[in-house]
Amino acid sequence: MSIVLIIICVVVLIYSFNCRSKIDQEEKAALKTPGTADRLRDKFSGLINMLLSNPSHTILMERKYDESIRIGNNERQELFISFSALGGPQIHVACIDHSQVLKEWKFERKLSDIQIFNEINYYFK
């Protein structure tokens, strides 16, 4: 009975390693395929322009496949913005300071770009 249990455990471990390997390959492919987050820029262009108007803010990464942009500043903070069209256009925003999440938001298109910017600007200098 214990031999059967050991065999099952080995099979499960091999299967889990193979699944993780597949996810790692997909992540590598995604990171190698940057692009322009067109839908994010179309729906929230004013917000992106306001964030980038500060000379210390720069785009660290932009990807088309998940419609996301990472913006960094001189204080080692990062702002991760991701677009979602499910349930209406909305963005998910996370402010990260020294690898720790300070604040997360979910904004719908109902709010103006200035309202969203003012909320984000309190945390992301």
N, C-alpha and C. Protein backbone atom coordinates (compact mmCIF):
# COMPACT_ATOMS: atom_id res chain seq x y z
N MET A 1 0.82 -1.19 0.00
CA MET A 1 0.00 0.00 0.00
C MET A 1 0.87 1.26 0.00
N SER A 2 1.96 1.25 0.76
CA SER A 2 2.82 2.42 0.82
C SER A 2 3.55 2.65 -0.51
N ILE A 3 3.82 1.59 -1.25
CA ILE A 3 4.47 1.73 -2.56
C ILE A 3 3.53 2.44 -3.53
N VAL A 4 2.26 2.09 -3.49
CA VAL A 4 1.27 2.76 -4.34
C VAL A 4 1.17 4.23 -4.00
N LEU A 5 1.18 4.54 -2.72
CA LEU A 5 1.12 5.93 -2.27
C LEU A 5 2.35 6.71 -2.72
N ILE A 6 3.51 6.11 -2.65
CA ILE A 6 4.75 6.75 -3.11
C ILE A 6 4.70 6.99 -4.62
N ILE A 7 4.21 6.03 -5.36
CA ILE A 7 4.09 6.18 -6.82
C ILE A 7 3.14 7.32 -7.16
N ILE A 8 2.03 7.40 -6.47
CA ILE A 8 1.06 8.48 -6.71
C ILE A 8 1.68 9.83 -6.40
N CYS A 9 2.43 9.91 -5.31
CA CYS A 9 3.09 11.18 -4.95
C CYS A 9 4.11 11.59 -6.01
N VAL A 10 4.88 10.63 -6.52
CA VAL A 10 5.87 10.94 -7.55
C VAL A 10 5.18 11.42 -8.81
N VAL A 11 4.09 10.79 -9.20
CA VAL A 11 3.35 11.20 -10.40
C VAL A 11 2.80 12.62 -10.23
N VAL A 12 2.25 12.91 -9.05
CA VAL A 12 1.70 14.25 -8.79
C VAL A 12 2.81 15.29 -8.83
N LEU A 13 3.96 14.98 -8.27
CA LEU A 13 5.09 15.92 -8.30
C LEU A 13 5.57 16.18 -9.72
N ILE A 14 5.70 15.15 -10.50
CA ILE A 14 6.12 15.32 -11.90
C ILE A 14 5.11 16.16 -12.67
N TYR A 15 3.83 15.87 -12.46
CA TYR A 15 2.79 16.65 -13.13
C TYR A 15 2.84 18.12 -12.72
N SER A 16 3.03 18.39 -11.43
CA SER A 16 3.06 19.78 -10.97
C SER A 16 4.29 20.52 -11.52
N PHE A 17 5.44 19.85 -11.61
CA PHE A 17 6.62 20.48 -12.19
C PHE A 17 6.41 20.78 -13.67
N ASN A 18 5.75 19.89 -14.38
CA ASN A 18 5.47 20.12 -15.80
C ASN A 18 4.52 21.30 -15.99
N CYS A 19 3.51 21.40 -15.14
CA CYS A 19 2.58 22.53 -15.23
C CYS A 19 3.29 23.84 -14.93
N ARG A 20 4.14 23.86 -13.93
CA ARG A 20 4.88 25.08 -13.58
C ARG A 20 5.83 25.47 -14.70
N SER A 21 6.42 24.49 -15.33
CA SER A 21 7.33 24.76 -16.45
C SER A 21 6.57 25.43 -17.59
N LYS A 22 5.35 24.97 -17.84
CA LYS A 22 4.54 25.56 -18.91
C LYS A 22 4.19 27.01 -18.58
N ILE A 23 3.85 27.30 -17.33
CA ILE A 23 3.54 28.67 -16.91
C ILE A 23 4.77 29.55 -17.05
N ASP A 24 5.94 29.05 -16.65
CA ASP A 24 7.17 29.83 -16.78
C ASP A 24 7.46 30.16 -18.24
N GLN A 25 7.23 29.24 -19.14
CA GLN A 25 7.46 29.49 -20.56
C GLN A 25 6.49 30.54 -21.08
N GLU A 26 5.24 30.51 -20.63
CA GLU A 26 4.26 31.52 -21.05
C GLU A 26 4.64 32.90 -20.51
N GLU A 27 5.14 32.96 -19.28
CA GLU A 27 5.57 34.24 -18.72
C GLU A 27 6.76 34.80 -19.47
N LYS A 28 7.70 33.96 -19.82
CA LYS A 28 8.87 34.41 -20.59
C LYS A 28 8.44 34.96 -21.94
N ALA A 29 7.52 34.26 -22.59
CA ALA A 29 7.03 34.73 -23.89
C ALA A 29 6.31 36.07 -23.74
N ALA A 30 5.54 36.21 -22.68
CA ALA A 30 4.81 37.46 -22.47
C ALA A 30 5.76 38.61 -22.21
N LEU A 31 6.82 38.37 -21.45
CA LEU A 31 7.77 39.44 -21.16
C LEU A 31 8.58 39.82 -22.39
N LYS A 32 8.74 38.90 -23.31
CA LYS A 32 9.50 39.19 -24.54
C LYS A 32 8.64 39.88 -25.58
N THR A 33 7.34 39.94 -25.36
CA THR A 33 6.45 40.55 -26.34
C THR A 33 5.82 41.80 -25.77
N PRO A 34 6.62 42.84 -25.60
CA PRO A 34 6.02 44.10 -25.14
C PRO A 34 5.19 44.69 -26.27
N GLY A 35 4.63 45.77 -26.03
CA GLY A 35 3.83 46.45 -27.03
C GLY A 35 3.24 47.68 -26.40
N THR A 36 2.28 48.22 -27.06
CA THR A 36 1.60 49.41 -26.56
C THR A 36 0.24 49.00 -26.04
N ALA A 37 -0.08 49.40 -24.85
CA ALA A 37 -1.38 49.11 -24.24
C ALA A 37 -2.41 50.05 -24.86
N ASP A 38 -2.84 49.71 -26.07
CA ASP A 38 -3.69 50.60 -26.86
C ASP A 38 -5.03 50.91 -26.19
N ARG A 39 -5.72 49.89 -25.71
CA ARG A 39 -7.04 50.14 -25.10
C ARG A 39 -6.91 50.97 -23.83
N LEU A 40 -5.89 50.71 -23.04
CA LEU A 40 -5.65 51.51 -21.84
C LEU A 40 -5.37 52.95 -22.22
N ARG A 41 -4.54 53.15 -23.21
CA ARG A 41 -4.21 54.51 -23.65
C ARG A 41 -5.40 55.20 -24.30
N ASP A 42 -6.28 54.46 -24.99
CA ASP A 42 -7.46 55.06 -25.60
C ASP A 42 -8.47 55.52 -24.55
N LYS A 43 -8.74 54.67 -23.57
CA LYS A 43 -9.78 54.97 -22.59
C LYS A 43 -9.30 55.91 -21.48
N PHE A 44 -8.02 55.86 -21.12
CA PHE A 44 -7.50 56.65 -20.01
C PHE A 44 -6.27 57.45 -20.44
N SER A 45 -6.32 58.01 -21.63
CA SER A 45 -5.16 58.74 -22.16
C SER A 45 -4.82 59.97 -21.33
N GLY A 46 -5.82 60.70 -20.85
CA GLY A 46 -5.57 61.88 -20.03
C GLY A 46 -4.84 61.53 -18.75
N LEU A 47 -5.24 60.44 -18.12
CA LEU A 47 -4.59 59.99 -16.88
C LEU A 47 -3.14 59.62 -17.14
N ILE A 48 -2.88 58.87 -18.19
CA ILE A 48 -1.51 58.46 -18.52
C ILE A 48 -0.66 59.69 -18.80
N ASN A 49 -1.20 60.64 -19.54
CA ASN A 49 -0.45 61.87 -19.85
C ASN A 49 -0.17 62.69 -18.59
N MET A 50 -1.15 62.76 -17.68
CA MET A 50 -0.93 63.51 -16.44
C MET A 50 0.15 62.83 -15.59
N LEU A 51 0.13 61.51 -15.52
CA LEU A 51 1.14 60.80 -14.74
C LEU A 51 2.53 60.98 -15.33
N LEU A 52 2.63 60.98 -16.65
CA LEU A 52 3.93 61.11 -17.31
C LEU A 52 4.39 62.55 -17.46
N SER A 53 3.54 63.52 -17.09
CA SER A 53 3.94 64.92 -17.19
C SER A 53 5.01 65.28 -16.16
N ASN A 54 5.09 64.53 -15.08
CA ASN A 54 6.13 64.74 -14.07
C ASN A 54 7.45 64.20 -14.64
N PRO A 55 8.50 65.00 -14.67
CA PRO A 55 9.77 64.55 -15.27
C PRO A 55 10.40 63.34 -14.56
N SER A 56 10.05 63.11 -13.29
CA SER A 56 10.64 61.96 -12.59
C SER A 56 9.90 60.66 -12.86
N HIS A 57 8.75 60.73 -13.55
CA HIS A 57 7.97 59.53 -13.85
C HIS A 57 8.36 59.00 -15.23
N THR A 58 8.70 57.74 -15.30
CA THR A 58 9.05 57.10 -16.57
C THR A 58 8.35 55.76 -16.69
N ILE A 59 8.10 55.35 -17.91
CA ILE A 59 7.51 54.04 -18.16
C ILE A 59 8.60 52.99 -18.03
N LEU A 60 8.40 52.05 -17.11
CA LEU A 60 9.34 50.96 -16.91
C LEU A 60 9.02 49.79 -17.84
N MET A 61 7.72 49.56 -18.05
CA MET A 61 7.31 48.45 -18.89
C MET A 61 5.89 48.69 -19.38
N GLU A 62 5.64 48.32 -20.60
CA GLU A 62 4.29 48.40 -21.16
C GLU A 62 4.05 47.15 -21.97
N ARG A 63 2.91 46.51 -21.74
CA ARG A 63 2.61 45.28 -22.45
C ARG A 63 1.24 45.36 -23.09
N LYS A 64 1.17 44.84 -24.28
CA LYS A 64 -0.09 44.85 -25.02
C LYS A 64 -1.00 43.70 -24.63
N TYR A 65 -0.42 42.52 -24.37
CA TYR A 65 -1.27 41.34 -24.20
C TYR A 65 -2.16 41.43 -22.96
N ASP A 66 -1.73 42.11 -21.91
CA ASP A 66 -2.60 42.27 -20.74
C ASP A 66 -2.97 43.73 -20.49
N GLU A 67 -2.66 44.60 -21.46
CA GLU A 67 -3.03 46.02 -21.38
C GLU A 67 -2.57 46.64 -20.06
N SER A 68 -1.27 46.60 -19.80
CA SER A 68 -0.76 47.14 -18.55
C SER A 68 0.46 48.02 -18.79
N ILE A 69 0.65 48.94 -17.85
CA ILE A 69 1.80 49.85 -17.87
C ILE A 69 2.35 49.92 -16.46
N ARG A 70 3.67 49.87 -16.34
CA ARG A 70 4.36 50.09 -15.07
C ARG A 70 5.12 51.39 -15.17
N ILE A 71 4.86 52.30 -14.26
CA ILE A 71 5.51 53.60 -14.24
C ILE A 71 6.34 53.70 -12.95
N GLY A 72 7.55 54.18 -13.06
CA GLY A 72 8.41 54.34 -11.90
C GLY A 72 8.77 55.79 -11.68
N ASN A 73 9.25 56.11 -10.47
CA ASN A 73 9.71 57.46 -10.19
C ASN A 73 11.08 57.40 -9.53
N ASN A 74 11.62 58.56 -9.19
CA ASN A 74 12.96 58.64 -8.61
C ASN A 74 13.02 58.13 -7.17
N GLU A 75 11.89 57.98 -6.51
CA GLU A 75 11.85 57.54 -5.12
C GLU A 75 11.67 56.03 -4.99
N ARG A 76 11.94 55.30 -6.05
CA ARG A 76 11.82 53.84 -6.11
C ARG A 76 10.40 53.35 -5.87
N GLN A 77 9.45 54.16 -6.27
CA GLN A 77 8.05 53.74 -6.24
C GLN A 77 7.67 53.29 -7.64
N GLU A 78 6.69 52.42 -7.71
CA GLU A 78 6.16 51.98 -9.00
C GLU A 78 4.65 52.06 -8.96
N LEU A 79 4.08 52.33 -10.11
CA LEU A 79 2.64 52.37 -10.27
C LEU A 79 2.30 51.37 -11.35
N PHE A 80 1.51 50.38 -11.02
CA PHE A 80 1.10 49.37 -11.98
C PHE A 80 -0.35 49.64 -12.36
N ILE A 81 -0.60 49.85 -13.66
CA ILE A 81 -1.93 50.17 -14.15
C ILE A 81 -2.31 49.11 -15.17
N SER A 82 -3.48 48.50 -14.98
CA SER A 82 -3.94 47.45 -15.88
C SER A 82 -5.38 47.75 -16.29
N PHE A 83 -5.68 47.56 -17.56
CA PHE A 83 -7.01 47.84 -18.10
C PHE A 83 -7.83 46.57 -18.16
N SER A 84 -9.11 46.69 -17.82
CA SER A 84 -10.05 45.57 -17.92
C SER A 84 -11.34 46.08 -18.54
N ALA A 85 -11.83 45.37 -19.54
CA ALA A 85 -13.07 45.77 -20.18
C ALA A 85 -14.27 44.98 -19.66
N LEU A 86 -14.03 44.03 -18.76
CA LEU A 86 -15.12 43.23 -18.22
C LEU A 86 -15.96 44.07 -17.28
N GLY A 87 -17.27 44.09 -17.52
CA GLY A 87 -18.16 44.88 -16.67
C GLY A 87 -18.04 46.37 -16.92
N GLY A 88 -17.58 46.77 -18.07
CA GLY A 88 -17.37 48.17 -18.39
C GLY A 88 -15.91 48.52 -18.25
N PRO A 89 -15.47 49.56 -18.95
CA PRO A 89 -14.04 49.90 -18.89
C PRO A 89 -13.64 50.34 -17.49
N GLN A 90 -12.61 49.71 -16.98
CA GLN A 90 -12.09 50.08 -15.68
C GLN A 90 -10.60 49.77 -15.65
N ILE A 91 -9.92 50.41 -14.69
CA ILE A 91 -8.50 50.13 -14.53
C ILE A 91 -8.25 49.67 -13.09
N HIS A 92 -7.26 48.82 -12.97
CA HIS A 92 -6.78 48.36 -11.68
C HIS A 92 -5.42 49.03 -11.49
N VAL A 93 -5.23 49.67 -10.35
CA VAL A 93 -4.00 50.41 -10.09
C VAL A 93 -3.43 49.94 -8.76
N ALA A 94 -2.12 49.76 -8.74
CA ALA A 94 -1.43 49.43 -7.50
C ALA A 94 -0.21 50.33 -7.37
N CYS A 95 -0.05 50.94 -6.21
CA CYS A 95 1.11 51.76 -5.93
C CYS A 95 2.05 50.93 -5.06
N ILE A 96 3.28 50.77 -5.54
CA ILE A 96 4.26 49.92 -4.88
C ILE A 96 5.44 50.79 -4.45
N ASP A 97 5.81 50.68 -3.18
CA ASP A 97 6.93 51.45 -2.64
C ASP A 97 7.94 50.48 -2.05
N HIS A 98 9.15 50.45 -2.63
CA HIS A 98 10.21 49.55 -2.18
C HIS A 98 9.70 48.11 -2.07
N SER A 99 9.04 47.64 -3.11
CA SER A 99 8.54 46.26 -3.25
C SER A 99 7.39 45.92 -2.31
N GLN A 100 6.77 46.90 -1.70
CA GLN A 100 5.59 46.66 -0.87
C GLN A 100 4.41 47.44 -1.42
N VAL A 101 3.27 46.80 -1.51
CA VAL A 101 2.07 47.45 -2.02
C VAL A 101 1.56 48.44 -0.98
N LEU A 102 1.50 49.71 -1.38
CA LEU A 102 0.97 50.75 -0.49
C LEU A 102 -0.55 50.81 -0.57
N LYS A 103 -1.05 50.79 -1.79
CA LYS A 103 -2.49 51.00 -1.99
C LYS A 103 -2.89 50.38 -3.32
N GLU A 104 -4.09 49.82 -3.36
CA GLU A 104 -4.67 49.29 -4.59
C GLU A 104 -6.02 49.95 -4.82
N TRP A 105 -6.32 50.20 -6.09
CA TRP A 105 -7.59 50.81 -6.46
C TRP A 105 -8.19 50.06 -7.65
N LYS A 106 -9.49 50.28 -7.81
CA LYS A 106 -10.20 49.84 -9.00
C LYS A 106 -11.08 51.02 -9.41
N PHE A 107 -10.75 51.65 -10.54
CA PHE A 107 -11.49 52.83 -11.00
C PHE A 107 -12.30 52.49 -12.24
N GLU A 108 -13.53 52.98 -12.27
CA GLU A 108 -14.36 52.82 -13.46
C GLU A 108 -14.28 54.09 -14.29
N ARG A 109 -14.73 54.01 -15.51
CA ARG A 109 -14.66 55.14 -16.44
C ARG A 109 -15.59 56.26 -16.01
N LYS A 110 -16.48 56.02 -15.06
CA LYS A 110 -17.40 57.06 -14.59
C LYS A 110 -16.64 58.25 -14.00
N LEU A 111 -15.49 57.97 -13.39
CA LEU A 111 -14.68 59.04 -12.79
C LEU A 111 -13.86 59.74 -13.88
N SER A 112 -13.62 61.01 -13.66
CA SER A 112 -12.78 61.75 -14.61
C SER A 112 -11.32 61.41 -14.37
N ASP A 113 -10.51 61.69 -15.38
CA ASP A 113 -9.07 61.44 -15.26
C ASP A 113 -8.45 62.25 -14.12
N ILE A 114 -8.95 63.46 -13.91
CA ILE A 114 -8.42 64.32 -12.85
C ILE A 114 -8.74 63.73 -11.47
N GLN A 115 -9.95 63.19 -11.29
CA GLN A 115 -10.30 62.58 -10.02
C GLN A 115 -9.41 61.37 -9.73
N ILE A 116 -9.20 60.56 -10.74
CA ILE A 116 -8.35 59.38 -10.58
C ILE A 116 -6.92 59.82 -10.28
N PHE A 117 -6.43 60.81 -11.03
CA PHE A 117 -5.07 61.30 -10.83
C PHE A 117 -4.86 61.84 -9.43
N ASN A 118 -5.83 62.61 -8.93
CA ASN A 118 -5.71 63.17 -7.57
C ASN A 118 -5.64 62.07 -6.52
N GLU A 119 -6.42 61.01 -6.70
CA GLU A 119 -6.40 59.91 -5.74
C GLU A 119 -5.05 59.19 -5.77
N ILE A 120 -4.53 58.95 -6.96
CA ILE A 120 -3.25 58.25 -7.12
C ILE A 120 -2.10 59.13 -6.67
N ASN A 121 -2.16 60.42 -6.99
CA ASN A 121 -1.05 61.34 -6.74
C ASN A 121 -0.77 61.49 -5.24
N TYR A 122 -1.74 61.21 -4.39
CA TYR A 122 -1.51 61.29 -2.96
C TYR A 122 -0.46 60.27 -2.51
N TYR A 123 -0.44 59.11 -3.17
CA TYR A 123 0.50 58.04 -2.80
C TYR A 123 1.72 58.00 -3.69
N PHE A 124 1.54 58.28 -4.97
CA PHE A 124 2.63 58.17 -5.95
C PHE A 124 3.13 59.56 -6.27
N LYS A 125 4.23 59.95 -5.70
CA LYS A 125 4.74 61.34 -5.83
C LYS A 125 5.57 61.51 -7.06
